[in-house]
Amino acid sequence: MKKWTKEIEIDAPIDQVWGLLDGSLEDMQKIMPQVVDHKPVKVTDEGVGSIYRQKYKEGNRIQEYDVETLEFLNTPDKKKLKVGFTLTNMFEITTLYELSQLNDQKTMFTYTCTNRPLKSFLKLFLFLASDKIVVQFCERVKKVAEEDNKKINILVK
């Protein structure tokens, strides 16, 4: 299994960043444009155990998989969402999004991704994998959240 973690400070309120991670399909697509559909299959009151069917576009192909909520926390100053899914019967993937409020306009975002190959021949590919995608994802979340925050501040003034 391979694990990557990246932490980044975002100049935006915690609830605004959270909306990108646990909000509407439209908000989710701002940071994950390859997700073309995200529909509930089973929703629990506490969040954990909820399952969503996602469609993900990779090139010309659309893949469909079920994403299960493994951890969920939503308090005013801390938020956490961990989901897991199996990709093409080859990889078991978990993603963990953690947000901590630093102040009214600053949020610490920690992103952790694990990838476990389900077939032994895939272990070599994972051995060679870098953290490039994790770094790019964190930078995209920061960019989108900060741009949205600027737009909101302009509208409020």
N, C-alpha and C. Protein backbone atom coordinates (compact mmCIF):
# COMPACT_ATOMS: atom_id res chain seq x y z
N MET A 1 0.86 -1.19 0.00
CA MET A 1 0.00 0.00 0.00
C MET A 1 0.90 1.24 0.00
N LYS A 2 0.48 2.23 -0.72
CA LYS A 2 1.21 3.50 -0.79
C LYS A 2 0.34 4.58 -0.17
N LYS A 3 0.97 5.51 0.55
CA LYS A 3 0.23 6.57 1.23
C LYS A 3 0.94 7.90 0.97
N TRP A 4 0.14 8.93 0.65
CA TRP A 4 0.65 10.28 0.44
C TRP A 4 -0.14 11.23 1.31
N THR A 5 0.54 12.21 1.89
CA THR A 5 -0.12 13.26 2.69
C THR A 5 0.46 14.61 2.31
N LYS A 6 -0.42 15.59 2.18
CA LYS A 6 0.00 16.95 1.87
C LYS A 6 -0.86 17.90 2.69
N GLU A 7 -0.23 18.93 3.21
CA GLU A 7 -0.92 19.93 4.02
C GLU A 7 -0.70 21.30 3.37
N ILE A 8 -1.76 22.11 3.36
CA ILE A 8 -1.64 23.44 2.74
C ILE A 8 -2.57 24.41 3.47
N GLU A 9 -2.10 25.65 3.63
CA GLU A 9 -2.91 26.69 4.26
C GLU A 9 -3.70 27.41 3.17
N ILE A 10 -5.00 27.60 3.43
CA ILE A 10 -5.89 28.22 2.45
C ILE A 10 -6.48 29.50 3.05
N ASP A 11 -6.41 30.58 2.27
CA ASP A 11 -6.98 31.87 2.70
C ASP A 11 -8.46 31.93 2.35
N ALA A 12 -9.24 31.15 3.11
CA ALA A 12 -10.70 31.11 2.94
C ALA A 12 -11.30 30.49 4.21
N PRO A 13 -12.53 30.85 4.54
CA PRO A 13 -13.19 30.27 5.72
C PRO A 13 -13.38 28.76 5.58
N ILE A 14 -13.37 28.07 6.70
CA ILE A 14 -13.46 26.62 6.72
C ILE A 14 -14.73 26.10 6.02
N ASP A 15 -15.88 26.77 6.24
CA ASP A 15 -17.13 26.29 5.63
C ASP A 15 -17.11 26.41 4.11
N GLN A 16 -16.41 27.40 3.61
CA GLN A 16 -16.31 27.57 2.16
C GLN A 16 -15.47 26.44 1.54
N VAL A 17 -14.37 26.09 2.19
CA VAL A 17 -13.53 24.99 1.70
C VAL A 17 -14.30 23.68 1.82
N TRP A 18 -15.01 23.49 2.91
CA TRP A 18 -15.79 22.27 3.15
C TRP A 18 -16.84 22.07 2.05
N GLY A 19 -17.44 23.15 1.60
CA GLY A 19 -18.45 23.06 0.54
C GLY A 19 -17.90 22.46 -0.74
N LEU A 20 -16.62 22.66 -1.01
CA LEU A 20 -16.01 22.07 -2.20
C LEU A 20 -15.84 20.56 -2.05
N LEU A 21 -15.66 20.10 -0.82
CA LEU A 21 -15.39 18.69 -0.56
C LEU A 21 -16.65 17.89 -0.26
N ASP A 22 -17.61 18.52 0.38
CA ASP A 22 -18.82 17.81 0.81
C ASP A 22 -20.07 18.58 0.39
N GLY A 23 -20.02 19.15 -0.80
CA GLY A 23 -21.15 19.95 -1.26
C GLY A 23 -21.81 19.35 -2.48
N SER A 24 -22.33 20.23 -3.31
CA SER A 24 -23.05 19.81 -4.52
C SER A 24 -22.08 19.26 -5.57
N LEU A 25 -22.65 18.58 -6.56
CA LEU A 25 -21.85 18.09 -7.69
C LEU A 25 -21.15 19.27 -8.37
N GLU A 26 -21.87 20.37 -8.53
CA GLU A 26 -21.30 21.56 -9.18
C GLU A 26 -20.07 22.07 -8.42
N ASP A 27 -20.15 22.12 -7.09
CA ASP A 27 -19.00 22.55 -6.29
C ASP A 27 -17.87 21.54 -6.37
N MET A 28 -18.21 20.26 -6.30
CA MET A 28 -17.21 19.19 -6.38
C MET A 28 -16.44 19.25 -7.70
N GLN A 29 -17.16 19.56 -8.78
CA GLN A 29 -16.53 19.61 -10.11
C GLN A 29 -15.54 20.75 -10.25
N LYS A 30 -15.64 21.77 -9.38
CA LYS A 30 -14.67 22.85 -9.42
C LYS A 30 -13.26 22.33 -9.09
N ILE A 31 -13.19 21.32 -8.22
CA ILE A 31 -11.89 20.77 -7.82
C ILE A 31 -11.63 19.39 -8.40
N MET A 32 -12.69 18.72 -8.85
CA MET A 32 -12.56 17.40 -9.47
C MET A 32 -13.40 17.38 -10.75
N PRO A 33 -12.92 18.04 -11.80
CA PRO A 33 -13.72 18.17 -13.02
C PRO A 33 -14.01 16.83 -13.72
N GLN A 34 -13.25 15.80 -13.41
CA GLN A 34 -13.47 14.50 -14.04
C GLN A 34 -14.71 13.79 -13.48
N VAL A 35 -15.19 14.21 -12.31
CA VAL A 35 -16.40 13.61 -11.74
C VAL A 35 -17.59 14.19 -12.51
N VAL A 36 -18.30 13.33 -13.26
CA VAL A 36 -19.42 13.80 -14.08
C VAL A 36 -20.78 13.51 -13.46
N ASP A 37 -20.79 12.66 -12.40
CA ASP A 37 -22.05 12.37 -11.71
C ASP A 37 -21.73 11.91 -10.29
N HIS A 38 -22.62 12.22 -9.36
CA HIS A 38 -22.42 11.89 -7.94
C HIS A 38 -23.81 11.79 -7.32
N LYS A 39 -24.34 10.56 -7.26
CA LYS A 39 -25.72 10.37 -6.79
C LYS A 39 -25.75 9.48 -5.54
N PRO A 40 -26.59 9.84 -4.58
CA PRO A 40 -26.69 9.01 -3.38
C PRO A 40 -27.32 7.65 -3.67
N VAL A 41 -26.74 6.61 -3.09
CA VAL A 41 -27.30 5.26 -3.17
C VAL A 41 -27.91 4.94 -1.81
N LYS A 42 -27.16 5.29 -0.75
CA LYS A 42 -27.61 5.08 0.63
C LYS A 42 -27.04 6.23 1.46
N VAL A 43 -27.90 6.94 2.19
CA VAL A 43 -27.45 8.06 3.01
C VAL A 43 -27.83 7.78 4.46
N THR A 44 -26.84 7.90 5.35
CA THR A 44 -27.10 7.69 6.78
C THR A 44 -27.15 9.05 7.48
N ASP A 45 -27.82 9.10 8.63
CA ASP A 45 -27.93 10.35 9.38
C ASP A 45 -26.57 10.85 9.87
N GLU A 46 -25.71 9.92 10.27
CA GLU A 46 -24.40 10.32 10.81
C GLU A 46 -23.31 10.47 9.75
N GLY A 47 -23.66 10.18 8.49
CA GLY A 47 -22.68 10.33 7.40
C GLY A 47 -21.90 9.06 7.13
N VAL A 48 -21.32 8.46 8.18
CA VAL A 48 -20.54 7.23 8.01
C VAL A 48 -21.46 6.12 7.51
N GLY A 49 -21.00 5.40 6.50
CA GLY A 49 -21.81 4.34 5.90
C GLY A 49 -22.60 4.79 4.69
N SER A 50 -22.64 6.09 4.44
CA SER A 50 -23.33 6.59 3.24
C SER A 50 -22.56 6.12 2.00
N ILE A 51 -23.30 5.85 0.94
CA ILE A 51 -22.69 5.41 -0.31
C ILE A 51 -23.21 6.27 -1.45
N TYR A 52 -22.28 6.72 -2.29
CA TYR A 52 -22.62 7.53 -3.46
C TYR A 52 -22.06 6.84 -4.70
N ARG A 53 -22.84 6.83 -5.76
CA ARG A 53 -22.36 6.30 -7.03
C ARG A 53 -21.78 7.45 -7.83
N GLN A 54 -20.50 7.33 -8.14
CA GLN A 54 -19.81 8.37 -8.91
C GLN A 54 -19.47 7.88 -10.29
N LYS A 55 -19.58 8.79 -11.22
CA LYS A 55 -19.10 8.53 -12.58
C LYS A 55 -17.92 9.46 -12.81
N TYR A 56 -16.85 8.88 -13.33
CA TYR A 56 -15.58 9.57 -13.48
C TYR A 56 -15.10 9.42 -14.91
N LYS A 57 -14.83 10.54 -15.56
CA LYS A 57 -14.41 10.50 -16.97
C LYS A 57 -12.89 10.49 -17.06
N GLU A 58 -12.37 9.46 -17.69
CA GLU A 58 -10.94 9.30 -17.92
C GLU A 58 -10.74 9.18 -19.42
N GLY A 59 -10.30 10.26 -20.05
CA GLY A 59 -10.18 10.26 -21.51
C GLY A 59 -11.57 10.19 -22.13
N ASN A 60 -11.80 9.18 -22.99
CA ASN A 60 -13.12 9.00 -23.61
C ASN A 60 -14.01 8.04 -22.83
N ARG A 61 -13.43 7.39 -21.81
CA ARG A 61 -14.19 6.40 -21.04
C ARG A 61 -14.78 7.00 -19.77
N ILE A 62 -15.95 6.50 -19.40
CA ILE A 62 -16.57 6.88 -18.14
C ILE A 62 -16.62 5.64 -17.27
N GLN A 63 -16.02 5.75 -16.08
CA GLN A 63 -16.02 4.66 -15.12
C GLN A 63 -17.01 4.98 -14.01
N GLU A 64 -17.63 3.95 -13.49
CA GLU A 64 -18.61 4.12 -12.43
C GLU A 64 -18.18 3.29 -11.23
N TYR A 65 -18.25 3.88 -10.04
CA TYR A 65 -17.89 3.15 -8.84
C TYR A 65 -18.65 3.72 -7.66
N ASP A 66 -18.77 2.91 -6.61
CA ASP A 66 -19.45 3.33 -5.39
C ASP A 66 -18.42 3.84 -4.38
N VAL A 67 -18.69 5.02 -3.85
CA VAL A 67 -17.81 5.67 -2.88
C VAL A 67 -18.51 5.60 -1.52
N GLU A 68 -17.84 4.99 -0.53
CA GLU A 68 -18.43 4.85 0.80
C GLU A 68 -17.76 5.82 1.78
N THR A 69 -18.59 6.48 2.59
CA THR A 69 -18.07 7.37 3.63
C THR A 69 -17.61 6.52 4.81
N LEU A 70 -16.32 6.61 5.13
CA LEU A 70 -15.72 5.82 6.20
C LEU A 70 -15.57 6.61 7.50
N GLU A 71 -15.35 7.92 7.39
CA GLU A 71 -15.27 8.80 8.56
C GLU A 71 -15.93 10.12 8.19
N PHE A 72 -16.57 10.74 9.18
CA PHE A 72 -17.24 12.02 8.92
C PHE A 72 -17.28 12.82 10.22
N LEU A 73 -16.82 14.06 10.14
CA LEU A 73 -16.87 14.98 11.27
C LEU A 73 -17.15 16.37 10.71
N ASN A 74 -18.14 17.05 11.30
CA ASN A 74 -18.48 18.39 10.83
C ASN A 74 -18.78 19.27 12.04
N THR A 75 -17.73 19.88 12.60
CA THR A 75 -17.88 20.82 13.70
C THR A 75 -17.46 22.20 13.19
N PRO A 76 -17.76 23.27 13.93
CA PRO A 76 -17.43 24.60 13.43
C PRO A 76 -15.94 24.82 13.12
N ASP A 77 -15.04 24.19 13.90
CA ASP A 77 -13.61 24.46 13.67
C ASP A 77 -12.81 23.27 13.16
N LYS A 78 -13.43 22.10 13.03
CA LYS A 78 -12.76 20.91 12.48
C LYS A 78 -13.75 20.14 11.62
N LYS A 79 -13.25 19.67 10.48
CA LYS A 79 -14.09 18.89 9.57
C LYS A 79 -13.23 17.76 9.00
N LYS A 80 -13.87 16.61 8.80
CA LYS A 80 -13.14 15.46 8.29
C LYS A 80 -14.08 14.61 7.44
N LEU A 81 -13.57 14.19 6.30
CA LEU A 81 -14.32 13.30 5.41
C LEU A 81 -13.33 12.28 4.84
N LYS A 82 -13.59 11.01 5.13
CA LYS A 82 -12.77 9.93 4.57
C LYS A 82 -13.70 9.02 3.77
N VAL A 83 -13.32 8.79 2.53
CA VAL A 83 -14.11 7.91 1.66
C VAL A 83 -13.21 6.83 1.08
N GLY A 84 -13.84 5.74 0.69
CA GLY A 84 -13.10 4.64 0.09
C GLY A 84 -13.86 4.08 -1.10
N PHE A 85 -13.10 3.58 -2.08
CA PHE A 85 -13.71 2.96 -3.26
C PHE A 85 -12.70 2.05 -3.92
N THR A 86 -13.22 1.15 -4.75
CA THR A 86 -12.38 0.26 -5.53
C THR A 86 -12.43 0.71 -6.97
N LEU A 87 -11.26 0.92 -7.55
CA LEU A 87 -11.15 1.42 -8.91
C LEU A 87 -10.81 0.27 -9.87
N THR A 88 -11.71 0.02 -10.80
CA THR A 88 -11.57 -1.00 -11.85
C THR A 88 -11.09 -2.35 -11.34
N ASN A 89 -11.53 -2.74 -10.16
CA ASN A 89 -11.14 -4.01 -9.54
C ASN A 89 -9.63 -4.20 -9.45
N MET A 90 -8.90 -3.09 -9.48
CA MET A 90 -7.44 -3.18 -9.43
C MET A 90 -6.83 -2.47 -8.22
N PHE A 91 -7.47 -1.39 -7.76
CA PHE A 91 -6.93 -0.62 -6.65
C PHE A 91 -8.02 -0.31 -5.63
N GLU A 92 -7.67 -0.42 -4.36
CA GLU A 92 -8.54 0.01 -3.28
C GLU A 92 -7.99 1.36 -2.82
N ILE A 93 -8.80 2.39 -2.93
CA ILE A 93 -8.33 3.75 -2.68
C ILE A 93 -9.13 4.38 -1.54
N THR A 94 -8.42 5.10 -0.67
CA THR A 94 -9.10 5.94 0.32
C THR A 94 -8.56 7.36 0.17
N THR A 95 -9.45 8.31 0.40
CA THR A 95 -9.04 9.71 0.45
C THR A 95 -9.57 10.30 1.74
N LEU A 96 -8.73 11.05 2.41
CA LEU A 96 -9.08 11.68 3.67
C LEU A 96 -8.86 13.18 3.54
N TYR A 97 -9.92 13.94 3.77
CA TYR A 97 -9.86 15.40 3.75
C TYR A 97 -10.05 15.88 5.18
N GLU A 98 -9.09 16.65 5.69
CA GLU A 98 -9.20 17.20 7.05
C GLU A 98 -9.02 18.71 6.98
N LEU A 99 -9.94 19.41 7.63
CA LEU A 99 -9.90 20.87 7.68
C LEU A 99 -9.85 21.32 9.13
N SER A 100 -8.98 22.30 9.40
CA SER A 100 -8.90 22.91 10.73
C SER A 100 -8.97 24.42 10.54
N GLN A 101 -9.84 25.07 11.31
CA GLN A 101 -9.97 26.52 11.21
C GLN A 101 -8.80 27.16 11.95
N LEU A 102 -8.04 27.98 11.25
CA LEU A 102 -6.93 28.72 11.87
C LEU A 102 -7.43 30.06 12.40
N ASN A 103 -8.30 30.71 11.62
CA ASN A 103 -9.03 31.91 12.05
C ASN A 103 -10.23 32.05 11.11
N ASP A 104 -10.95 33.17 11.18
CA ASP A 104 -12.17 33.33 10.37
C ASP A 104 -11.91 33.24 8.87
N GLN A 105 -10.70 33.57 8.43
CA GLN A 105 -10.40 33.61 7.00
C GLN A 105 -9.27 32.66 6.57
N LYS A 106 -8.85 31.77 7.46
CA LYS A 106 -7.76 30.84 7.13
C LYS A 106 -8.11 29.43 7.58
N THR A 107 -7.80 28.47 6.70
CA THR A 107 -8.08 27.06 6.96
C THR A 107 -6.85 26.24 6.62
N MET A 108 -6.53 25.27 7.48
CA MET A 108 -5.48 24.30 7.18
C MET A 108 -6.16 23.08 6.56
N PHE A 109 -5.70 22.70 5.38
CA PHE A 109 -6.25 21.56 4.64
C PHE A 109 -5.20 20.47 4.58
N THR A 110 -5.55 19.29 5.07
CA THR A 110 -4.67 18.13 4.99
C THR A 110 -5.36 17.07 4.15
N TYR A 111 -4.66 16.60 3.14
CA TYR A 111 -5.19 15.60 2.22
C TYR A 111 -4.30 14.36 2.29
N THR A 112 -4.92 13.22 2.57
CA THR A 112 -4.20 11.95 2.63
C THR A 112 -4.87 10.97 1.69
N CYS A 113 -4.08 10.33 0.88
CA CYS A 113 -4.60 9.36 -0.08
C CYS A 113 -3.83 8.05 0.09
N THR A 114 -4.55 6.93 0.14
CA THR A 114 -3.90 5.63 0.15
C THR A 114 -4.35 4.85 -1.07
N ASN A 115 -3.46 4.03 -1.56
CA ASN A 115 -3.72 3.26 -2.77
C ASN A 115 -3.15 1.86 -2.54
N ARG A 116 -4.04 0.86 -2.52
CA ARG A 116 -3.60 -0.52 -2.30
C ARG A 116 -3.92 -1.34 -3.55
N PRO A 117 -2.90 -1.90 -4.18
CA PRO A 117 -3.15 -2.72 -5.37
C PRO A 117 -3.83 -4.03 -4.97
N LEU A 118 -4.81 -4.44 -5.78
CA LEU A 118 -5.53 -5.69 -5.51
C LEU A 118 -4.94 -6.86 -6.28
N LYS A 119 -4.01 -6.57 -7.17
CA LYS A 119 -3.34 -7.62 -7.95
C LYS A 119 -1.83 -7.41 -7.79
N SER A 120 -1.10 -8.49 -7.58
CA SER A 120 0.32 -8.38 -7.25
C SER A 120 1.15 -7.70 -8.34
N PHE A 121 0.81 -7.86 -9.60
CA PHE A 121 1.60 -7.26 -10.66
C PHE A 121 1.53 -5.72 -10.66
N LEU A 122 0.55 -5.17 -9.95
CA LEU A 122 0.39 -3.71 -9.89
C LEU A 122 1.29 -3.06 -8.83
N LYS A 123 1.88 -3.86 -7.96
CA LYS A 123 2.71 -3.30 -6.89
C LYS A 123 3.89 -2.51 -7.44
N LEU A 124 4.46 -2.94 -8.55
CA LEU A 124 5.57 -2.22 -9.15
C LEU A 124 5.15 -0.82 -9.62
N PHE A 125 3.96 -0.73 -10.23
CA PHE A 125 3.46 0.58 -10.67
C PHE A 125 3.31 1.52 -9.48
N LEU A 126 2.82 0.99 -8.38
CA LEU A 126 2.62 1.80 -7.18
C LEU A 126 3.96 2.22 -6.58
N PHE A 127 4.95 1.34 -6.65
CA PHE A 127 6.28 1.64 -6.14
C PHE A 127 6.88 2.86 -6.84
N LEU A 128 6.58 2.99 -8.13
CA LEU A 128 7.12 4.08 -8.94
C LEU A 128 6.29 5.36 -8.86
N ALA A 129 5.12 5.30 -8.25
CA ALA A 129 4.21 6.45 -8.21
C ALA A 129 4.76 7.56 -7.31
N SER A 130 4.50 8.80 -7.72
CA SER A 130 4.95 9.95 -6.93
C SER A 130 3.75 10.63 -6.28
N ASP A 131 4.03 11.69 -5.52
CA ASP A 131 2.95 12.43 -4.86
C ASP A 131 2.44 13.59 -5.72
N LYS A 132 2.79 13.61 -6.99
CA LYS A 132 2.45 14.73 -7.89
C LYS A 132 0.94 15.01 -7.91
N ILE A 133 0.12 13.98 -8.01
CA ILE A 133 -1.34 14.16 -8.10
C ILE A 133 -1.89 14.73 -6.80
N VAL A 134 -1.35 14.29 -5.67
CA VAL A 134 -1.80 14.79 -4.37
C VAL A 134 -1.44 16.27 -4.22
N VAL A 135 -0.24 16.63 -4.60
CA VAL A 135 0.19 18.04 -4.54
C VAL A 135 -0.68 18.90 -5.46
N GLN A 136 -0.91 18.43 -6.68
CA GLN A 136 -1.74 19.19 -7.63
C GLN A 136 -3.16 19.36 -7.10
N PHE A 137 -3.72 18.32 -6.48
CA PHE A 137 -5.08 18.40 -5.95
C PHE A 137 -5.15 19.46 -4.85
N CYS A 138 -4.19 19.45 -3.92
CA CYS A 138 -4.18 20.44 -2.84
C CYS A 138 -4.07 21.86 -3.39
N GLU A 139 -3.22 22.03 -4.37
CA GLU A 139 -3.07 23.36 -4.98
C GLU A 139 -4.34 23.80 -5.69
N ARG A 140 -5.06 22.85 -6.31
CA ARG A 140 -6.32 23.17 -6.98
C ARG A 140 -7.38 23.58 -5.96
N VAL A 141 -7.49 22.85 -4.84
CA VAL A 141 -8.45 23.20 -3.79
C VAL A 141 -8.14 24.60 -3.26
N LYS A 142 -6.87 24.89 -3.01
CA LYS A 142 -6.46 26.21 -2.52
C LYS A 142 -6.85 27.30 -3.52
N LYS A 143 -6.52 27.10 -4.78
CA LYS A 143 -6.79 28.10 -5.81
C LYS A 143 -8.29 28.37 -5.94
N VAL A 144 -9.10 27.33 -6.02
CA VAL A 144 -10.55 27.49 -6.18
C VAL A 144 -11.16 28.15 -4.95
N ALA A 145 -10.79 27.67 -3.76
CA ALA A 145 -11.36 28.23 -2.53
C ALA A 145 -11.01 29.71 -2.38
N GLU A 146 -9.76 30.05 -2.68
CA GLU A 146 -9.34 31.45 -2.55
C GLU A 146 -9.99 32.34 -3.60
N GLU A 147 -10.15 31.84 -4.83
CA GLU A 147 -10.86 32.62 -5.87
C GLU A 147 -12.32 32.83 -5.49
N ASP A 148 -12.98 31.76 -5.01
CA ASP A 148 -14.38 31.89 -4.57
C ASP A 148 -14.49 32.88 -3.42
N ASN A 149 -13.53 32.84 -2.51
CA ASN A 149 -13.55 33.73 -1.35
C ASN A 149 -13.42 35.19 -1.80
N LYS A 150 -12.56 35.45 -2.79
CA LYS A 150 -12.40 36.82 -3.30
C LYS A 150 -13.70 37.31 -3.93
N LYS A 151 -14.37 36.42 -4.70
CA LYS A 151 -15.63 36.79 -5.34
C LYS A 151 -16.69 37.14 -4.28
N ILE A 152 -16.76 36.34 -3.23
CA ILE A 152 -17.74 36.58 -2.16
C ILE A 152 -17.43 37.89 -1.47
N ASN A 153 -16.15 38.16 -1.19
CA ASN A 153 -15.78 39.41 -0.53
C ASN A 153 -16.09 40.63 -1.38
N ILE A 154 -15.95 40.51 -2.68
CA ILE A 154 -16.28 41.61 -3.59
C ILE A 154 -17.79 41.86 -3.59
N LEU A 155 -18.58 40.79 -3.59
CA LEU A 155 -20.04 40.93 -3.58
C LEU A 155 -20.55 41.54 -2.28
N VAL A 156 -19.87 41.22 -1.17
CA VAL A 156 -20.30 41.71 0.14
C VAL A 156 -20.01 43.20 0.28
N LYS A 157 -18.93 43.66 -0.33
CA LYS A 157 -18.53 45.08 -0.19
C LYS A 157 -19.37 46.01 -0.98
